[in-house]
């Protein structure tokens, strides 16, 4: 075990005897600092040390042709200091090799999990495939930094994407890292999306139909080439349900005698019960049924739930002069009609199946006429009408 005072000149002049496979030169100044010299002329710096269990370890610092002697010695001293403090460079290096890329994590763990845990997993898959993975898929989890997320977030908006779309990328990334940290996946100790400020979403607009608009819409869907649309749209308005809930509904879920519809799995992840009005009962009596078909409003051609009714809906809403109305606005309108008829927010919350009252408050639009009627009643109730007269 030759020991020498290593310096740049010693490294440059060192050669390996022809009868040896290699020559190790140990530095007298830095314990464990070694220069390995091979017959080929190649030279590599190492630091050799014993770990906490007394086992001999070797940490490769670098090739002498790639780094200077000073750089190698400084690196050796840094690693040695870590060893003295109880760290294990060998274990750190081993751990680094186990850190997955974002694509590996997404495909092998995240999507496998959310397919069974989230009804909207296909949305996550779409955002990953179209936005996140093309940008960071080949990066290891510990390589993505907060500044990377901020820059990508702003770049999406600059490209013309809606604030909600850009925000979704940040929210998805944050959620993925939170799960990875929970599962103790290496490289996820720091969440790069944590603390990233989201854009204000101005696209959360409210659109409520009035009675005249409803009549125009009903007339348009009755004339639609999609014969089921004349039942789908009125049922959405009368039930206040989500589109997918109705399209996937089955006759077995409806108890017409007790006047209740049981939705087995709602957006909240729990079954909920929707009361059926007399108008809904009457309309369900008009809906055509097919033998061996369990669905309430299926595609007549396939006898399966519609994948989408957008094109027939789009045609109908334009013919009704309501091109800006979305199908989800029918649910908004149901809440509006209920509140304006004097129903409480609690009742509306239960009918629409919201878990939080604040969600109902967003839908519960009060018309100007209702507000004026309310303030006009103050005079009679307070007795001020007589004083003013």
Protein backbone atom coordinates (compact mmCIF):
# COMPACT_ATOMS: atom_id res chain seq x y z
CA UNK A 1 0.00 0.00 0.00
CA UNK A 2 2.30 2.78 -1.25
CA UNK A 3 1.72 6.13 0.44
CA UNK A 4 2.84 9.38 -1.12
CA UNK A 5 2.06 13.03 -0.86
CA UNK A 6 -0.24 13.36 -3.81
CA UNK A 7 -0.07 16.50 -5.91
CA UNK A 8 -0.59 17.39 -9.55
CA UNK A 9 3.01 16.50 -10.49
CA UNK A 10 2.86 13.11 -8.73
CA UNK A 11 -0.37 12.27 -10.51
CA UNK A 12 1.06 13.27 -13.85
CA UNK A 13 4.24 11.22 -13.41
CA UNK A 14 2.70 8.10 -11.84
CA UNK A 15 2.92 4.86 -13.83
CA UNK A 16 1.88 1.28 -13.11
CA UNK A 17 4.61 -1.42 -13.14
CA UNK A 18 4.23 -3.86 -16.00
CA UNK A 19 3.89 -6.83 -13.66
CA UNK A 20 0.89 -5.39 -11.79
CA UNK A 21 -2.78 -5.04 -12.73
CA UNK A 22 -2.96 -1.68 -10.99
CA UNK A 23 -1.11 0.59 -8.58
CA UNK A 24 -2.88 2.34 -5.69
CA UNK A 25 -1.20 5.46 -4.34
CA UNK A 26 -2.57 6.61 -0.95
CA UNK A 27 -2.30 10.27 -0.05
CA UNK A 28 -0.53 11.06 3.22
CA UNK A 29 -2.47 14.30 3.73
CA UNK A 30 -6.08 13.13 3.23
CA UNK A 31 -6.90 9.77 4.78
CA UNK A 32 -8.41 7.33 2.29
CA UNK A 33 -7.71 9.54 -0.75
CA UNK A 34 -6.37 7.18 -3.45
CA UNK A 35 -5.07 7.44 -6.98
CA UNK A 36 -5.51 4.23 -8.95
CA UNK A 37 -3.03 3.86 -11.81
CA UNK A 38 -3.52 1.19 -14.48
CA UNK A 39 -1.06 -0.28 -17.03
CA UNK A 40 -3.05 1.37 -19.82
CA UNK A 41 -2.17 4.75 -18.40
CA UNK A 42 -5.64 5.40 -17.05
CA UNK A 43 -5.87 7.02 -13.62
CA UNK A 44 -8.87 7.37 -11.29
CA UNK A 45 -9.38 9.11 -7.95
CA UNK A 46 -11.19 7.28 -5.12
CA UNK A 47 -11.94 7.75 -1.46
CA UNK A 48 -11.85 4.59 0.60
CA UNK A 49 -13.46 4.52 4.02
CA UNK A 50 -15.28 2.30 6.50
CA UNK A 51 -18.99 2.78 7.00
CA UNK A 52 -20.89 2.76 10.30
CA UNK A 53 -20.82 -1.06 10.29
CA UNK A 54 -17.06 -1.19 9.77
CA UNK A 55 -17.38 -2.39 6.18
CA UNK A 56 -14.81 -1.22 3.65
CA UNK A 57 -16.36 1.12 1.05
CA UNK A 58 -14.98 2.84 -2.02
CA UNK A 59 -16.37 6.05 -3.51
CA UNK A 60 -15.34 6.88 -7.06
CA UNK A 61 -14.51 10.57 -7.39
CA UNK A 62 -13.59 10.75 -11.06
CA UNK A 63 -11.13 10.13 -13.85
CA UNK A 64 -7.86 12.06 -13.59
CA UNK A 65 -8.18 13.08 -17.23
CA UNK A 66 -11.54 14.71 -16.53
CA UNK A 67 -10.93 16.61 -13.29
CA UNK A 68 -7.94 18.38 -11.83
CA UNK A 69 -6.04 17.19 -8.79
CA UNK A 70 -7.36 20.11 -6.70
CA UNK A 71 -10.94 19.30 -7.65
CA UNK A 72 -10.43 15.65 -6.78
CA UNK A 73 -8.84 16.41 -3.40
CA UNK A 74 -11.59 18.87 -2.47
CA UNK A 75 -14.23 16.30 -3.42
CA UNK A 76 -12.45 13.64 -1.33
CA UNK A 77 -12.38 15.94 1.69
CA UNK A 78 -16.09 16.72 1.28
CA UNK A 79 -17.03 13.05 1.07
CA UNK A 80 -14.81 12.21 4.05
CA UNK A 81 -16.51 14.91 6.11
CA UNK A 82 -19.89 13.32 5.34
CA UNK A 83 -18.58 9.94 6.45
CA UNK A 84 -17.34 11.38 9.75
CA UNK A 85 -20.81 12.91 10.32
CA UNK A 86 -22.42 9.51 9.82
CA UNK A 87 -23.54 9.71 6.19
CA UNK A 88 -22.96 6.90 3.75
CA UNK A 89 -21.95 8.05 0.24
CA UNK A 90 -22.28 4.46 -1.00
CA UNK A 91 -25.87 4.24 0.21
CA UNK A 92 -26.64 7.67 -1.24
CA UNK A 93 -25.28 6.56 -4.59
CA UNK A 94 -27.29 3.33 -4.40
CA UNK A 95 -30.42 5.32 -3.54
CA UNK A 96 -29.90 7.66 -6.49
CA UNK A 97 -29.95 4.68 -8.84
CA UNK A 98 -33.41 3.71 -7.54
CA UNK A 99 -35.03 7.10 -8.24
CA UNK A 100 -37.51 6.58 -11.10
CA UNK A 101 -38.13 8.94 -13.96
CA UNK A 102 -41.46 10.75 -13.90
CA UNK A 103 -42.65 8.56 -16.78
CA UNK A 104 -41.71 5.36 -14.93
CA UNK A 105 -43.48 6.54 -11.81
CA UNK A 106 -46.57 7.67 -13.75
CA UNK A 107 -46.94 4.43 -15.67
CA UNK A 108 -45.96 1.93 -12.99
CA UNK A 109 -47.45 3.46 -9.86
CA UNK A 110 -49.55 6.59 -10.28
CA UNK A 111 -51.93 5.60 -13.10
CA UNK A 112 -52.29 2.09 -11.71
CA UNK A 113 -53.47 3.64 -8.45
CA UNK A 114 -55.79 6.38 -9.78
CA UNK A 115 -57.59 4.02 -12.16
CA UNK A 116 -59.08 2.42 -9.07
CA UNK A 117 -59.25 5.51 -6.87
CA UNK A 118 -60.49 8.34 -9.12
CA UNK A 119 -63.43 8.41 -11.49
CA UNK A 120 -61.68 11.14 -13.46
CA UNK A 121 -58.47 9.13 -13.94
CA UNK A 122 -58.81 9.44 -17.72
CA UNK A 123 -58.45 13.21 -17.35
CA UNK A 124 -55.20 12.71 -15.45
CA UNK A 125 -53.99 10.29 -18.11
CA UNK A 126 -54.77 12.83 -20.83
CA UNK A 127 -52.92 15.67 -19.07
CA UNK A 128 -49.93 13.43 -18.46
CA UNK A 129 -49.80 12.23 -22.06
CA UNK A 130 -50.32 15.64 -23.68
CA UNK A 131 -48.54 18.03 -21.32
CA UNK A 132 -46.58 16.68 -18.37
CA UNK A 133 -44.69 13.67 -19.76
CA UNK A 134 -43.56 15.33 -23.03
CA UNK A 135 -41.95 17.99 -20.81
CA UNK A 136 -40.56 15.97 -17.89
CA UNK A 137 -41.09 12.29 -18.66
CA UNK A 138 -37.37 11.49 -18.94
CA UNK A 139 -36.44 13.48 -15.83
CA UNK A 140 -35.89 11.68 -12.53
CA UNK A 141 -38.19 12.79 -9.73
CA UNK A 142 -35.44 14.71 -7.93
CA UNK A 143 -34.43 16.59 -11.08
CA UNK A 144 -37.65 18.60 -11.45
CA UNK A 145 -37.44 21.87 -9.52
CA UNK A 146 -40.02 24.44 -8.47
CA UNK A 147 -38.71 26.93 -11.03
CA UNK A 148 -39.26 24.32 -13.77
CA UNK A 149 -42.91 24.01 -12.75
CA UNK A 150 -43.37 27.79 -12.61
CA UNK A 151 -41.83 28.27 -16.06
CA UNK A 152 -43.95 25.49 -17.60
CA UNK A 153 -47.09 26.84 -15.90
CA UNK A 154 -46.55 30.29 -17.44
CA UNK A 155 -45.49 28.83 -20.80
CA UNK A 156 -48.82 27.00 -21.13
CA UNK A 157 -50.73 30.21 -20.56
CA UNK A 158 -48.50 32.06 -23.03
CA UNK A 159 -49.37 29.43 -25.65
CA UNK A 160 -53.04 30.31 -25.27
CA UNK A 161 -54.22 27.59 -22.90
CA UNK A 162 -56.95 28.58 -20.47
CA UNK A 163 -55.84 29.39 -16.89
CA UNK A 164 -57.74 26.32 -15.67
CA UNK A 165 -55.76 24.07 -18.03
CA UNK A 166 -52.42 25.54 -16.95
CA UNK A 167 -53.46 25.22 -13.31
CA UNK A 168 -54.44 21.61 -13.80
CA UNK A 169 -50.86 20.71 -14.72
CA UNK A 170 -49.59 22.23 -11.46
CA UNK A 171 -52.33 20.57 -9.39
CA UNK A 172 -51.71 17.18 -11.01
CA UNK A 173 -47.95 17.41 -10.50
CA UNK A 174 -48.42 18.41 -6.86
CA UNK A 175 -50.80 15.51 -6.25
CA UNK A 176 -48.46 13.00 -7.91
CA UNK A 177 -45.53 14.07 -5.74
CA UNK A 178 -47.65 14.03 -2.57
CA UNK A 179 -48.59 10.43 -3.29
CA UNK A 180 -45.00 9.50 -4.15
CA UNK A 181 -43.79 10.97 -0.86
CA UNK A 182 -46.56 9.11 0.99
CA UNK A 183 -45.42 5.87 -0.69
CA UNK A 184 -41.78 6.73 0.19
CA UNK A 185 -40.64 6.66 -3.42
CA UNK A 186 -37.03 7.94 -3.67
CA UNK A 187 -36.66 11.39 -5.18
CA UNK A 188 -40.05 12.71 -4.05
CA UNK A 189 -38.87 14.20 -0.75
CA UNK A 190 -39.30 17.72 -2.15
CA UNK A 191 -42.50 18.58 -4.06
CA UNK A 192 -41.57 20.95 -6.93
CA UNK A 193 -45.19 22.05 -7.40
CA UNK A 194 -45.64 23.02 -3.76
CA UNK A 195 -46.03 26.77 -3.32
CA UNK A 196 -46.59 27.47 -7.02
CA UNK A 197 -49.26 30.17 -7.24
CA UNK A 198 -52.17 29.30 -9.50
CA UNK A 199 -53.69 31.61 -12.07
CA UNK A 200 -57.05 33.19 -11.34
CA UNK A 201 -59.65 31.25 -13.27
CA UNK A 202 -62.10 33.62 -14.91
CA UNK A 203 -63.79 30.82 -16.81
CA UNK A 204 -65.95 29.80 -13.85
CA UNK A 205 -68.89 31.67 -15.29
CA UNK A 206 -72.49 31.21 -14.31
CA UNK A 207 -75.21 30.78 -16.91
CA UNK A 208 -78.81 30.22 -15.91
CA UNK A 209 -81.71 29.62 -18.25
CA UNK A 210 -85.01 31.39 -17.83
CA UNK A 211 -88.40 29.80 -18.51
CA UNK A 212 -88.62 31.20 -22.05
CA UNK A 213 -85.17 29.84 -22.94
CA UNK A 214 -86.13 26.44 -21.55
CA UNK A 215 -89.16 26.33 -23.87
CA UNK A 216 -87.00 27.16 -26.90
CA UNK A 217 -84.50 24.50 -25.93
CA UNK A 218 -87.15 21.84 -25.39
CA UNK A 219 -88.64 22.59 -28.82
CA UNK A 220 -85.18 22.24 -30.40
CA UNK A 221 -84.34 18.89 -28.77
CA UNK A 222 -87.72 17.46 -29.82
CA UNK A 223 -86.73 18.17 -33.42
CA UNK A 224 -83.26 16.64 -32.99
CA UNK A 225 -82.01 13.75 -35.13
CA UNK A 226 -81.01 12.15 -31.82
CA UNK A 227 -84.38 10.84 -30.63
CA UNK A 228 -83.08 10.38 -27.08
CA UNK A 229 -82.14 14.04 -26.68
CA UNK A 230 -85.81 14.99 -26.16
CA UNK A 231 -85.70 12.95 -22.94
CA UNK A 232 -82.11 13.62 -21.86
CA UNK A 233 -82.34 17.43 -21.72
CA UNK A 234 -85.66 17.70 -19.82
CA UNK A 235 -84.53 15.00 -17.38
CA UNK A 236 -81.29 16.87 -16.72
CA UNK A 237 -83.31 20.00 -15.94
CA UNK A 238 -85.85 18.22 -13.75
CA UNK A 239 -83.35 16.08 -11.87
CA UNK A 240 -80.46 18.53 -11.54
CA UNK A 241 -78.06 15.62 -12.03
CA UNK A 242 -74.76 15.48 -13.84
CA UNK A 243 -74.77 14.44 -17.50
CA UNK A 244 -72.76 11.27 -16.97
CA UNK A 245 -74.98 10.20 -14.09
CA UNK A 246 -78.02 10.23 -16.35
CA UNK A 247 -76.35 8.69 -19.41
CA UNK A 248 -75.07 5.77 -17.33
CA UNK A 249 -78.29 5.32 -15.33
CA UNK A 250 -80.18 2.00 -15.34
CA UNK A 251 -83.84 1.23 -14.77
CA UNK A 252 -82.97 -0.88 -11.73
CA UNK A 253 -81.69 2.26 -10.04
CA UNK A 254 -85.15 3.90 -10.16
CA UNK A 255 -87.81 3.11 -7.57
CA UNK A 256 -90.87 4.70 -9.16
CA UNK A 257 -93.18 3.72 -6.29
CA UNK A 258 -91.02 5.38 -3.66
CA UNK A 259 -90.13 8.10 -6.18
CA UNK A 260 -86.38 7.93 -5.69
CA UNK A 261 -83.38 7.40 -7.96
CA UNK A 262 -80.34 5.76 -6.40
CA UNK A 263 -77.10 6.75 -8.10
CA UNK A 264 -74.72 3.92 -7.13
CA UNK A 265 -71.50 5.88 -7.54
CA UNK A 266 -71.67 9.66 -7.74
CA UNK A 267 -68.86 12.16 -8.25
CA UNK A 268 -68.30 12.19 -4.48
CA UNK A 269 -67.52 8.48 -4.58
CA UNK A 270 -70.63 7.57 -2.58
CA UNK A 271 -74.13 6.51 -3.55
CA UNK A 272 -76.74 9.25 -3.37
CA UNK A 273 -80.52 9.40 -3.67
CA UNK A 274 -82.39 11.85 -5.86
CA UNK A 275 -86.12 12.48 -5.28
CA UNK A 276 -88.34 12.07 -8.35
CA UNK A 277 -90.95 14.71 -9.06
CA UNK A 278 -94.31 13.92 -10.64
CA UNK A 279 -93.02 15.48 -13.88
CA UNK A 280 -90.01 13.15 -13.87
CA UNK A 281 -92.24 10.12 -13.28
CA UNK A 282 -94.46 11.19 -16.19
CA UNK A 283 -91.46 11.76 -18.48
CA UNK A 284 -89.90 8.40 -17.59
CA UNK A 285 -93.19 6.81 -18.63
CA UNK A 286 -92.63 8.20 -22.15
CA UNK A 287 -89.02 7.03 -22.47
CA UNK A 288 -88.77 4.04 -24.86
CA UNK A 289 -87.47 0.74 -23.50
CA UNK A 290 -85.70 -2.09 -25.27
CA UNK A 291 -85.71 -5.74 -24.28
CA UNK A 292 -82.56 -6.85 -22.44
CA UNK A 293 -81.35 -3.25 -22.28
CA UNK A 294 -80.94 -2.01 -18.68
CA UNK A 295 -80.12 1.61 -19.54
CA UNK A 296 -82.64 4.46 -19.28
CA UNK A 297 -81.50 6.64 -22.21
CA UNK A 298 -79.10 4.46 -24.25
CA UNK A 299 -77.92 4.93 -27.78
CA UNK A 300 -80.74 3.26 -29.79
CA UNK A 301 -78.19 1.75 -32.19
CA UNK A 302 -75.86 0.12 -29.67
CA UNK A 303 -78.19 -0.19 -26.64
CA UNK A 304 -75.22 1.08 -24.61
CA UNK A 305 -74.76 4.44 -22.86
CA UNK A 306 -73.83 7.31 -25.16
CA UNK A 307 -70.13 8.07 -25.13
CA UNK A 308 -71.01 11.64 -26.08
CA UNK A 309 -74.10 13.58 -27.18
CA UNK A 310 -72.19 16.75 -27.96
CA UNK A 311 -72.93 17.06 -31.68
CA UNK A 312 -76.69 16.64 -31.36
CA UNK A 313 -76.68 18.91 -28.30
CA UNK A 314 -74.59 21.52 -30.12
CA UNK A 315 -77.03 21.54 -33.05
CA UNK A 316 -80.04 21.85 -30.75
CA UNK A 317 -78.67 24.68 -28.62
CA UNK A 318 -77.74 26.68 -31.72
CA UNK A 319 -81.20 26.17 -33.19
CA UNK A 320 -82.64 27.42 -29.89
CA UNK A 321 -80.51 30.55 -30.14
CA UNK A 322 -78.42 29.48 -27.11
CA UNK A 323 -74.99 28.65 -28.58
CA UNK A 324 -73.14 29.59 -25.39
CA UNK A 325 -75.16 27.34 -23.07
CA UNK A 326 -73.28 24.25 -21.90
CA UNK A 327 -75.02 21.05 -20.91
CA UNK A 328 -73.75 21.48 -17.35
CA UNK A 329 -75.58 24.85 -17.28
CA UNK A 330 -78.79 22.83 -17.09
CA UNK A 331 -77.69 21.75 -13.61
CA UNK A 332 -76.96 25.38 -12.75
CA UNK A 333 -80.43 26.29 -13.92
CA UNK A 334 -82.07 23.60 -11.81
CA UNK A 335 -80.48 25.13 -8.71
CA UNK A 336 -81.56 28.59 -9.80
CA UNK A 337 -85.19 27.55 -10.37
CA UNK A 338 -85.32 25.81 -7.00
CA UNK A 339 -83.94 28.75 -5.07
CA UNK A 340 -86.13 31.26 -6.90
CA UNK A 341 -89.18 29.16 -6.06
CA UNK A 342 -88.41 29.61 -2.38
CA UNK A 343 -86.53 26.38 -1.65
CA UNK A 344 -83.71 26.59 0.91
CA UNK A 345 -80.04 26.14 0.06
CA UNK A 346 -80.05 23.05 2.27
CA UNK A 347 -82.80 21.47 0.15
CA UNK A 348 -80.96 22.36 -3.05
CA UNK A 349 -77.73 20.94 -1.63
CA UNK A 350 -79.42 17.60 -0.96
CA UNK A 351 -81.11 17.43 -4.36
CA UNK A 352 -77.93 18.25 -6.28
CA UNK A 353 -75.77 16.00 -4.09
CA UNK A 354 -73.20 18.56 -2.99
CA UNK A 355 -71.06 17.61 -0.01
CA UNK A 356 -70.43 21.26 0.90
CA UNK A 357 -72.92 24.09 1.13
CA UNK A 358 -70.46 26.56 -0.42
CA UNK A 359 -70.66 24.57 -3.66
CA UNK A 360 -74.43 24.97 -3.70
CA UNK A 361 -74.08 28.71 -3.11
CA UNK A 362 -72.20 29.04 -6.39
CA UNK A 363 -75.10 27.47 -8.29
CA UNK A 364 -77.86 29.12 -6.27
CA UNK A 365 -78.46 32.21 -8.37
CA UNK A 366 -81.17 34.57 -7.19
CA UNK A 367 -82.93 36.50 -9.93
CA UNK A 368 -83.23 40.28 -9.73
CA UNK A 369 -87.00 39.92 -9.53
CA UNK A 370 -86.68 37.71 -6.46
CA UNK A 371 -84.33 40.16 -4.78
CA UNK A 372 -86.66 43.09 -5.51
CA UNK A 373 -89.59 41.13 -4.10
CA UNK A 374 -87.56 40.48 -0.97
CA UNK A 375 -86.63 44.11 -0.35
CA UNK A 376 -90.17 45.28 -1.15
CA UNK A 377 -91.45 43.05 1.63
CA UNK A 378 -89.38 44.96 4.20
CA UNK A 379 -91.75 47.88 4.26
CA UNK A 380 -94.81 45.78 5.06
CA UNK A 381 -93.03 43.65 7.65
CA UNK A 382 -91.41 46.60 9.42
CA UNK A 383 -94.44 48.86 9.27
CA UNK A 384 -92.47 51.52 7.40
CA UNK A 385 -94.86 51.40 4.45
CA UNK A 386 -97.46 53.24 6.57
CA UNK A 387 -94.91 55.79 7.75
CA UNK A 388 -93.77 56.55 4.22
CA UNK A 389 -97.29 56.78 2.75
